[in-house]
Amino acid sequence: ARPLDQKTLENMSATYVYFANVSNLNIQENMGILPENRR
């Protein structure tokens, strides 16, 4: 999906759904971005 322009963002009245496959996710490379409670 492309970033929304500001006008669309301000008038947003929709639900946006996103999904992704985590099979190839590198846990250690991404663990650092998690907040402490989530980590």
ModelCIF file with pLDDT and N, C-alpha, C, O atoms, coordinates in Angstrom:
data_MODEL
#
_entry.id   MODEL 
#
_entity.id                         1 
_entity.type                       polymer 
_entity.pdbx_number_of_molecules   1 
#
_entity_poly.entity_id                      1 
_entity_poly.type                           'polypeptide(L)' 
_entity_poly.nstd_linkage                   no 
_entity_poly.nstd_monomer                   no 
_entity_poly.pdbx_seq_one_letter_code       ARPLDQKTLENMSATYVYFANVSNLNIQENMGILPENRR 
_entity_poly.pdbx_seq_one_letter_code_can   ARPLDQKTLENMSATYVYFANVSNLNIQENMGILPENRR 
_entity_poly.pdbx_strand_id                 A 
#
loop_
_entity_poly_seq.entity_id 
_entity_poly_seq.num 
_entity_poly_seq.mon_id 
_entity_poly_seq.hetero 
1 1  ALA n 
1 2  ARG n 
1 3  PRO n 
1 4  LEU n 
1 5  ASP n 
1 6  GLN n 
1 7  LYS n 
1 8  THR n 
1 9  LEU n 
1 10 GLU n 
1 11 ASN n 
1 12 MET n 
1 13 SER n 
1 14 ALA n 
1 15 THR n 
1 16 TYR n 
1 17 VAL n 
1 18 TYR n 
1 19 PHE n 
1 20 ALA n 
1 21 ASN n 
1 22 VAL n 
1 23 SER n 
1 24 ASN n 
1 25 LEU n 
1 26 ASN n 
1 27 ILE n 
1 28 GLN n 
1 29 GLU n 
1 30 ASN n 
1 31 MET n 
1 32 GLY n 
1 33 ILE n 
1 34 LEU n 
1 35 PRO n 
1 36 GLU n 
1 37 ASN n 
1 38 ARG n 
1 39 ARG n 
#
_struct_asym.id          A 
_struct_asym.entity_id   1 
#
loop_
_ma_qa_metric.id 
_ma_qa_metric.mode 
_ma_qa_metric.name 
_ma_qa_metric.software_group_id 
_ma_qa_metric.type 
1 global pLDDT . pLDDT 
2 local  pLDDT . pLDDT 
#
_ma_qa_metric_global.metric_id      1 
_ma_qa_metric_global.metric_value   80.95 
_ma_qa_metric_global.model_id       1 
_ma_qa_metric_global.ordinal_id     1 
#
loop_
_ma_qa_metric_local.label_asym_id 
_ma_qa_metric_local.label_comp_id 
_ma_qa_metric_local.label_seq_id 
_ma_qa_metric_local.metric_id 
_ma_qa_metric_local.metric_value 
_ma_qa_metric_local.model_id 
_ma_qa_metric_local.ordinal_id 
A ALA 1  2 47.00 1 1  
A ARG 2  2 52.00 1 2  
A PRO 3  2 53.00 1 3  
A LEU 4  2 51.00 1 4  
A ASP 5  2 56.00 1 5  
A GLN 6  2 55.00 1 6  
A LYS 7  2 59.00 1 7  
A THR 8  2 57.00 1 8  
A LEU 9  2 52.00 1 9  
A GLU 10 2 56.00 1 10 
A ASN 11 2 59.00 1 11 
A MET 12 2 55.00 1 12 
A SER 13 2 80.00 1 13 
A ALA 14 2 91.00 1 14 
A THR 15 2 95.00 1 15 
A TYR 16 2 95.00 1 16 
A VAL 17 2 97.00 1 17 
A TYR 18 2 97.00 1 18 
A PHE 19 2 98.00 1 19 
A ALA 20 2 98.00 1 20 
A ASN 21 2 98.00 1 21 
A VAL 22 2 98.00 1 22 
A SER 23 2 96.00 1 23 
A ASN 24 2 96.00 1 24 
A LEU 25 2 96.00 1 25 
A ASN 26 2 96.00 1 26 
A ILE 27 2 94.00 1 27 
A GLN 28 2 92.00 1 28 
A GLU 29 2 93.00 1 29 
A ASN 30 2 94.00 1 30 
A MET 31 2 91.00 1 31 
A GLY 32 2 88.00 1 32 
A ILE 33 2 89.00 1 33 
A LEU 34 2 92.00 1 34 
A PRO 35 2 89.00 1 35 
A GLU 36 2 88.00 1 36 
A ASN 37 2 86.00 1 37 
A ARG 38 2 88.00 1 38 
A ARG 39 2 90.00 1 39 
#
loop_
_atom_site.group_PDB 
_atom_site.id 
_atom_site.type_symbol 
_atom_site.label_atom_id 
_atom_site.label_alt_id 
_atom_site.label_comp_id 
_atom_site.label_asym_id 
_atom_site.label_entity_id 
_atom_site.label_seq_id 
_atom_site.pdbx_PDB_ins_code 
_atom_site.Cartn_x 
_atom_site.Cartn_y 
_atom_site.Cartn_z 
_atom_site.occupancy 
_atom_site.B_iso_or_equiv 
_atom_site.pdbx_formal_charge 
_atom_site.auth_seq_id 
_atom_site.auth_comp_id 
_atom_site.auth_asym_id 
_atom_site.auth_atom_id 
_atom_site.pdbx_PDB_model_num 
ATOM 1   N N  . ALA A 1 1  ? 0.838   -1.200  0.000  1.00 47.00 ? 1  ALA A N  1 
ATOM 2   C CA . ALA A 1 1  ? 0.000   0.000   0.000  1.00 47.00 ? 1  ALA A CA 1 
ATOM 3   C C  . ALA A 1 1  ? 0.871   1.247   0.000  1.00 47.00 ? 1  ALA A C  1 
ATOM 4   O O  . ALA A 1 1  ? 1.947   1.257   0.597  1.00 47.00 ? 1  ALA A O  1 
ATOM 5   N N  . ARG A 1 2  ? 0.406   2.302   -0.670 1.00 52.00 ? 2  ARG A N  1 
ATOM 6   C CA . ARG A 1 2  ? 1.141   3.559   -0.718 1.00 52.00 ? 2  ARG A CA 1 
ATOM 7   C C  . ARG A 1 2  ? 0.744   4.430   0.464  1.00 52.00 ? 2  ARG A C  1 
ATOM 8   O O  . ARG A 1 2  ? -0.377  4.325   0.962  1.00 52.00 ? 2  ARG A O  1 
ATOM 9   N N  . PRO A 1 3  ? 1.669   5.305   0.926  1.00 53.00 ? 3  PRO A N  1 
ATOM 10  C CA . PRO A 1 3  ? 1.325   6.226   2.014  1.00 53.00 ? 3  PRO A CA 1 
ATOM 11  C C  . PRO A 1 3  ? 0.153   7.112   1.608  1.00 53.00 ? 3  PRO A C  1 
ATOM 12  O O  . PRO A 1 3  ? 0.043   7.515   0.450  1.00 53.00 ? 3  PRO A O  1 
ATOM 13  N N  . LEU A 1 4  ? -0.702  7.405   2.543  1.00 51.00 ? 4  LEU A N  1 
ATOM 14  C CA . LEU A 1 4  ? -1.855  8.249   2.252  1.00 51.00 ? 4  LEU A CA 1 
ATOM 15  C C  . LEU A 1 4  ? -1.457  9.716   2.277  1.00 51.00 ? 4  LEU A C  1 
ATOM 16  O O  . LEU A 1 4  ? -0.621  10.121  3.085  1.00 51.00 ? 4  LEU A O  1 
ATOM 17  N N  . ASP A 1 5  ? -2.057  10.522  1.391  1.00 56.00 ? 5  ASP A N  1 
ATOM 18  C CA . ASP A 1 5  ? -1.803  11.951  1.438  1.00 56.00 ? 5  ASP A CA 1 
ATOM 19  C C  . ASP A 1 5  ? -2.525  12.536  2.648  1.00 56.00 ? 5  ASP A C  1 
ATOM 20  O O  . ASP A 1 5  ? -3.440  11.914  3.187  1.00 56.00 ? 5  ASP A O  1 
ATOM 21  N N  . GLN A 1 6  ? -2.117  13.727  3.073  1.00 55.00 ? 6  GLN A N  1 
ATOM 22  C CA . GLN A 1 6  ? -2.627  14.305  4.313  1.00 55.00 ? 6  GLN A CA 1 
ATOM 23  C C  . GLN A 1 6  ? -4.134  14.533  4.284  1.00 55.00 ? 6  GLN A C  1 
ATOM 24  O O  . GLN A 1 6  ? -4.813  14.329  5.290  1.00 55.00 ? 6  GLN A O  1 
ATOM 25  N N  . LYS A 1 7  ? -4.659  14.957  3.134  1.00 59.00 ? 7  LYS A N  1 
ATOM 26  C CA . LYS A 1 7  ? -6.096  15.210  3.031  1.00 59.00 ? 7  LYS A CA 1 
ATOM 27  C C  . LYS A 1 7  ? -6.887  13.928  3.243  1.00 59.00 ? 7  LYS A C  1 
ATOM 28  O O  . LYS A 1 7  ? -7.890  13.916  3.957  1.00 59.00 ? 7  LYS A O  1 
ATOM 29  N N  . THR A 1 8  ? -6.425  12.843  2.613  1.00 57.00 ? 8  THR A N  1 
ATOM 30  C CA . THR A 1 8  ? -7.101  11.556  2.786  1.00 57.00 ? 8  THR A CA 1 
ATOM 31  C C  . THR A 1 8  ? -7.006  11.103  4.229  1.00 57.00 ? 8  THR A C  1 
ATOM 32  O O  . THR A 1 8  ? -7.971  10.585  4.791  1.00 57.00 ? 8  THR A O  1 
ATOM 33  N N  . LEU A 1 9  ? -5.834  11.301  4.830  1.00 52.00 ? 9  LEU A N  1 
ATOM 34  C CA . LEU A 1 9  ? -5.614  10.902  6.216  1.00 52.00 ? 9  LEU A CA 1 
ATOM 35  C C  . LEU A 1 9  ? -6.581  11.601  7.149  1.00 52.00 ? 9  LEU A C  1 
ATOM 36  O O  . LEU A 1 9  ? -7.157  10.974  8.038  1.00 52.00 ? 9  LEU A O  1 
ATOM 37  N N  . GLU A 1 10 ? -6.762  12.901  6.950  1.00 56.00 ? 10 GLU A N  1 
ATOM 38  C CA . GLU A 1 10 ? -7.624  13.692  7.820  1.00 56.00 ? 10 GLU A CA 1 
ATOM 39  C C  . GLU A 1 10 ? -9.085  13.300  7.689  1.00 56.00 ? 10 GLU A C  1 
ATOM 40  O O  . GLU A 1 10 ? -9.844  13.392  8.654  1.00 56.00 ? 10 GLU A O  1 
ATOM 41  N N  . ASN A 1 11 ? -9.488  12.861  6.494  1.00 59.00 ? 11 ASN A N  1 
ATOM 42  C CA . ASN A 1 11 ? -10.883 12.509  6.259  1.00 59.00 ? 11 ASN A CA 1 
ATOM 43  C C  . ASN A 1 11 ? -11.136 10.992  6.313  1.00 59.00 ? 11 ASN A C  1 
ATOM 44  O O  . ASN A 1 11 ? -12.187 10.509  5.891  1.00 59.00 ? 11 ASN A O  1 
ATOM 45  N N  . MET A 1 12 ? -10.166 10.269  6.833  1.00 55.00 ? 12 MET A N  1 
ATOM 46  C CA . MET A 1 12 ? -10.247 8.814   6.837  1.00 55.00 ? 12 MET A CA 1 
ATOM 47  C C  . MET A 1 12 ? -11.432 8.319   7.645  1.00 55.00 ? 12 MET A C  1 
ATOM 48  O O  . MET A 1 12 ? -11.542 8.622   8.833  1.00 55.00 ? 12 MET A O  1 
ATOM 49  N N  . SER A 1 13 ? -12.315 7.562   7.017  1.00 80.00 ? 13 SER A N  1 
ATOM 50  C CA . SER A 1 13 ? -13.471 6.981   7.694  1.00 80.00 ? 13 SER A CA 1 
ATOM 51  C C  . SER A 1 13 ? -13.571 5.502   7.356  1.00 80.00 ? 13 SER A C  1 
ATOM 52  O O  . SER A 1 13 ? -14.657 4.923   7.332  1.00 80.00 ? 13 SER A O  1 
ATOM 53  N N  . ALA A 1 14 ? -12.421 4.909   7.099  1.00 91.00 ? 14 ALA A N  1 
ATOM 54  C CA . ALA A 1 14 ? -12.382 3.507   6.704  1.00 91.00 ? 14 ALA A CA 1 
ATOM 55  C C  . ALA A 1 14 ? -11.494 2.716   7.642  1.00 91.00 ? 14 ALA A C  1 
ATOM 56  O O  . ALA A 1 14 ? -10.658 3.267   8.357  1.00 91.00 ? 14 ALA A O  1 
ATOM 57  N N  . THR A 1 15 ? -11.697 1.411   7.619  1.00 95.00 ? 15 THR A N  1 
ATOM 58  C CA . THR A 1 15 ? -10.802 0.495   8.319  1.00 95.00 ? 15 THR A CA 1 
ATOM 59  C C  . THR A 1 15 ? -9.835  -0.086  7.307  1.00 95.00 ? 15 THR A C  1 
ATOM 60  O O  . THR A 1 15 ? -10.242 -0.545  6.241  1.00 95.00 ? 15 THR A O  1 
ATOM 61  N N  . TYR A 1 16 ? -8.555  -0.064  7.642  1.00 95.00 ? 16 TYR A N  1 
ATOM 62  C CA . TYR A 1 16 ? -7.524  -0.610  6.764  1.00 95.00 ? 16 TYR A CA 1 
ATOM 63  C C  . TYR A 1 16 ? -6.985  -1.905  7.359  1.00 95.00 ? 16 TYR A C  1 
ATOM 64  O O  . TYR A 1 16 ? -6.652  -1.966  8.542  1.00 95.00 ? 16 TYR A O  1 
ATOM 65  N N  . VAL A 1 17 ? -6.904  -2.936  6.529  1.00 97.00 ? 17 VAL A N  1 
ATOM 66  C CA . VAL A 1 17 ? -6.482  -4.256  6.977  1.00 97.00 ? 17 VAL A CA 1 
ATOM 67  C C  . VAL A 1 17 ? -5.182  -4.652  6.281  1.00 97.00 ? 17 VAL A C  1 
ATOM 68  O O  . VAL A 1 17 ? -5.060  -4.545  5.061  1.00 97.00 ? 17 VAL A O  1 
ATOM 69  N N  . TYR A 1 18 ? -4.227  -5.104  7.064  1.00 97.00 ? 18 TYR A N  1 
ATOM 70  C CA . TYR A 1 18 ? -2.927  -5.512  6.548  1.00 97.00 ? 18 TYR A CA 1 
ATOM 71  C C  . TYR A 1 18 ? -2.573  -6.886  7.107  1.00 97.00 ? 18 TYR A C  1 
ATOM 72  O O  . TYR A 1 18 ? -2.946  -7.218  8.233  1.00 97.00 ? 18 TYR A O  1 
ATOM 73  N N  . PHE A 1 19 ? -1.857  -7.680  6.326  1.00 98.00 ? 19 PHE A N  1 
ATOM 74  C CA . PHE A 1 19 ? -1.407  -8.978  6.834  1.00 98.00 ? 19 PHE A CA 1 
ATOM 75  C C  . PHE A 1 19 ? -0.053  -9.323  6.226  1.00 98.00 ? 19 PHE A C  1 
ATOM 76  O O  . PHE A 1 19 ? 0.315   -8.801  5.174  1.00 98.00 ? 19 PHE A O  1 
ATOM 77  N N  . ALA A 1 20 ? 0.686   -10.208 6.899  1.00 98.00 ? 20 ALA A N  1 
ATOM 78  C CA . ALA A 1 20 ? 2.026   -10.572 6.454  1.00 98.00 ? 20 ALA A CA 1 
ATOM 79  C C  . ALA A 1 20 ? 2.385   -11.964 6.942  1.00 98.00 ? 20 ALA A C  1 
ATOM 80  O O  . ALA A 1 20 ? 1.922   -12.407 7.993  1.00 98.00 ? 20 ALA A O  1 
ATOM 81  N N  . ASN A 1 21 ? 3.222   -12.649 6.163  1.00 98.00 ? 21 ASN A N  1 
ATOM 82  C CA . ASN A 1 21 ? 3.725   -13.967 6.525  1.00 98.00 ? 21 ASN A CA 1 
ATOM 83  C C  . ASN A 1 21 ? 5.025   -13.785 7.309  1.00 98.00 ? 21 ASN A C  1 
ATOM 84  O O  . ASN A 1 21 ? 5.919   -13.056 6.878  1.00 98.00 ? 21 ASN A O  1 
ATOM 85  N N  . VAL A 1 22 ? 5.125   -14.453 8.467  1.00 98.00 ? 22 VAL A N  1 
ATOM 86  C CA . VAL A 1 22 ? 6.299   -14.278 9.329  1.00 98.00 ? 22 VAL A CA 1 
ATOM 87  C C  . VAL A 1 22 ? 7.266   -15.463 9.251  1.00 98.00 ? 22 VAL A C  1 
ATOM 88  O O  . VAL A 1 22 ? 8.197   -15.550 10.052 1.00 98.00 ? 22 VAL A O  1 
ATOM 89  N N  . SER A 1 23 ? 7.058   -16.367 8.303  1.00 96.00 ? 23 SER A N  1 
ATOM 90  C CA . SER A 1 23 ? 7.882   -17.579 8.217  1.00 96.00 ? 23 SER A CA 1 
ATOM 91  C C  . SER A 1 23 ? 9.372   -17.263 8.148  1.00 96.00 ? 23 SER A C  1 
ATOM 92  O O  . SER A 1 23 ? 10.183  -17.970 8.747  1.00 96.00 ? 23 SER A O  1 
ATOM 93  N N  . ASN A 1 24 ? 9.741   -16.209 7.425  1.00 96.00 ? 24 ASN A N  1 
ATOM 94  C CA . ASN A 1 24 ? 11.156  -15.872 7.234  1.00 96.00 ? 24 ASN A CA 1 
ATOM 95  C C  . ASN A 1 24 ? 11.618  -14.718 8.117  1.00 96.00 ? 24 ASN A C  1 
ATOM 96  O O  . ASN A 1 24 ? 12.692  -14.158 7.897  1.00 96.00 ? 24 ASN A O  1 
ATOM 97  N N  . LEU A 1 25 ? 10.821  -14.364 9.103  1.00 96.00 ? 25 LEU A N  1 
ATOM 98  C CA . LEU A 1 25 ? 11.176  -13.244 9.971  1.00 96.00 ? 25 LEU A CA 1 
ATOM 99  C C  . LEU A 1 25 ? 12.387  -13.586 10.838 1.00 96.00 ? 25 LEU A C  1 
ATOM 100 O O  . LEU A 1 25 ? 12.436  -14.651 11.454 1.00 96.00 ? 25 LEU A O  1 
ATOM 101 N N  . ASN A 1 26 ? 13.358  -12.682 10.881 1.00 96.00 ? 26 ASN A N  1 
ATOM 102 C CA . ASN A 1 26 ? 14.518  -12.835 11.750 1.00 96.00 ? 26 ASN A CA 1 
ATOM 103 C C  . ASN A 1 26 ? 14.169  -12.232 13.113 1.00 96.00 ? 26 ASN A C  1 
ATOM 104 O O  . ASN A 1 26 ? 14.058  -11.014 13.250 1.00 96.00 ? 26 ASN A O  1 
ATOM 105 N N  . ILE A 1 27 ? 13.999  -13.079 14.100 1.00 94.00 ? 27 ILE A N  1 
ATOM 106 C CA . ILE A 1 27 ? 13.553  -12.632 15.420 1.00 94.00 ? 27 ILE A CA 1 
ATOM 107 C C  . ILE A 1 27 ? 14.552  -11.672 16.050 1.00 94.00 ? 27 ILE A C  1 
ATOM 108 O O  . ILE A 1 27 ? 14.165  -10.607 16.530 1.00 94.00 ? 27 ILE A O  1 
ATOM 109 N N  . GLN A 1 28 ? 15.838  -12.037 16.055 1.00 92.00 ? 28 GLN A N  1 
ATOM 110 C CA . GLN A 1 28 ? 16.848  -11.230 16.728 1.00 92.00 ? 28 GLN A CA 1 
ATOM 111 C C  . GLN A 1 28 ? 17.010  -9.857  16.090 1.00 92.00 ? 28 GLN A C  1 
ATOM 112 O O  . GLN A 1 28 ? 17.214  -8.866  16.792 1.00 92.00 ? 28 GLN A O  1 
ATOM 113 N N  . GLU A 1 29 ? 16.921  -9.790  14.762 1.00 93.00 ? 29 GLU A N  1 
ATOM 114 C CA . GLU A 1 29 ? 17.075  -8.512  14.079 1.00 93.00 ? 29 GLU A CA 1 
ATOM 115 C C  . GLU A 1 29 ? 15.937  -7.551  14.385 1.00 93.00 ? 29 GLU A C  1 
ATOM 116 O O  . GLU A 1 29 ? 16.108  -6.333  14.320 1.00 93.00 ? 29 GLU A O  1 
ATOM 117 N N  . ASN A 1 30 ? 14.780  -8.099  14.718 1.00 94.00 ? 30 ASN A N  1 
ATOM 118 C CA . ASN A 1 30 ? 13.594  -7.255  14.932 1.00 94.00 ? 30 ASN A CA 1 
ATOM 119 C C  . ASN A 1 30 ? 13.202  -7.090  16.401 1.00 94.00 ? 30 ASN A C  1 
ATOM 120 O O  . ASN A 1 30 ? 12.375  -6.238  16.728 1.00 94.00 ? 30 ASN A O  1 
ATOM 121 N N  . MET A 1 31 ? 13.783  -7.889  17.278 1.00 91.00 ? 31 MET A N  1 
ATOM 122 C CA . MET A 1 31 ? 13.411  -7.820  18.689 1.00 91.00 ? 31 MET A CA 1 
ATOM 123 C C  . MET A 1 31 ? 13.674  -6.438  19.278 1.00 91.00 ? 31 MET A C  1 
ATOM 124 O O  . MET A 1 31 ? 12.951  -5.992  20.169 1.00 91.00 ? 31 MET A O  1 
ATOM 125 N N  . GLY A 1 32 ? 14.705  -5.763  18.782 1.00 88.00 ? 32 GLY A N  1 
ATOM 126 C CA . GLY A 1 32 ? 15.086  -4.480  19.343 1.00 88.00 ? 32 GLY A CA 1 
ATOM 127 C C  . GLY A 1 32 ? 14.066  -3.369  19.176 1.00 88.00 ? 32 GLY A C  1 
ATOM 128 O O  . GLY A 1 32 ? 14.083  -2.407  19.943 1.00 88.00 ? 32 GLY A O  1 
ATOM 129 N N  . ILE A 1 33 ? 13.176  -3.474  18.195 1.00 89.00 ? 33 ILE A N  1 
ATOM 130 C CA . ILE A 1 33 ? 12.205  -2.390  17.979 1.00 89.00 ? 33 ILE A CA 1 
ATOM 131 C C  . ILE A 1 33 ? 11.003  -2.519  18.920 1.00 89.00 ? 33 ILE A C  1 
ATOM 132 O O  . ILE A 1 33 ? 10.197  -1.595  19.031 1.00 89.00 ? 33 ILE A O  1 
ATOM 133 N N  . LEU A 1 34 ? 10.885  -3.665  19.597 1.00 92.00 ? 34 LEU A N  1 
ATOM 134 C CA . LEU A 1 34 ? 9.747   -3.879  20.477 1.00 92.00 ? 34 LEU A CA 1 
ATOM 135 C C  . LEU A 1 34 ? 9.906   -3.091  21.768 1.00 92.00 ? 34 LEU A C  1 
ATOM 136 O O  . LEU A 1 34 ? 11.016  -2.995  22.292 1.00 92.00 ? 34 LEU A O  1 
ATOM 137 N N  . PRO A 1 35 ? 8.822   -2.524  22.296 1.00 89.00 ? 35 PRO A N  1 
ATOM 138 C CA . PRO A 1 35 ? 8.896   -1.876  23.605 1.00 89.00 ? 35 PRO A CA 1 
ATOM 139 C C  . PRO A 1 35 ? 9.130   -2.938  24.672 1.00 89.00 ? 35 PRO A C  1 
ATOM 140 O O  . PRO A 1 35 ? 8.888   -4.121  24.434 1.00 89.00 ? 35 PRO A O  1 
ATOM 141 N N  . GLU A 1 36 ? 9.591   -2.529  25.830 1.00 88.00 ? 36 GLU A N  1 
ATOM 142 C CA . GLU A 1 36 ? 9.980   -3.485  26.873 1.00 88.00 ? 36 GLU A CA 1 
ATOM 143 C C  . GLU A 1 36 ? 8.861   -4.450  27.256 1.00 88.00 ? 36 GLU A C  1 
ATOM 144 O O  . GLU A 1 36 ? 9.100   -5.648  27.407 1.00 88.00 ? 36 GLU A O  1 
ATOM 145 N N  . ASN A 1 37 ? 7.625   -3.930  27.417 1.00 86.00 ? 37 ASN A N  1 
ATOM 146 C CA . ASN A 1 37 ? 6.530   -4.813  27.823 1.00 86.00 ? 37 ASN A CA 1 
ATOM 147 C C  . ASN A 1 37 ? 6.206   -5.849  26.755 1.00 86.00 ? 37 ASN A C  1 
ATOM 148 O O  . ASN A 1 37 ? 5.852   -6.984  27.074 1.00 86.00 ? 37 ASN A O  1 
ATOM 149 N N  . ARG A 1 38 ? 6.325   -5.463  25.493 1.00 88.00 ? 38 ARG A N  1 
ATOM 150 C CA . ARG A 1 38 ? 6.057   -6.403  24.402 1.00 88.00 ? 38 ARG A CA 1 
ATOM 151 C C  . ARG A 1 38 ? 7.220   -7.396  24.266 1.00 88.00 ? 38 ARG A C  1 
ATOM 152 O O  . ARG A 1 38 ? 7.004   -8.570  23.965 1.00 88.00 ? 38 ARG A O  1 
ATOM 153 N N  . ARG A 1 39 ? 8.432   -6.929  24.486 1.00 90.00 ? 39 ARG A N  1 
ATOM 154 C CA . ARG A 1 39 ? 9.616   -7.787  24.394 1.00 90.00 ? 39 ARG A CA 1 
ATOM 155 C C  . ARG A 1 39 ? 9.587   -8.849  25.483 1.00 90.00 ? 39 ARG A C  1 
ATOM 156 O O  . ARG A 1 39 ? 10.501  -9.669  25.570 1.00 90.00 ? 39 ARG A O  1 
#
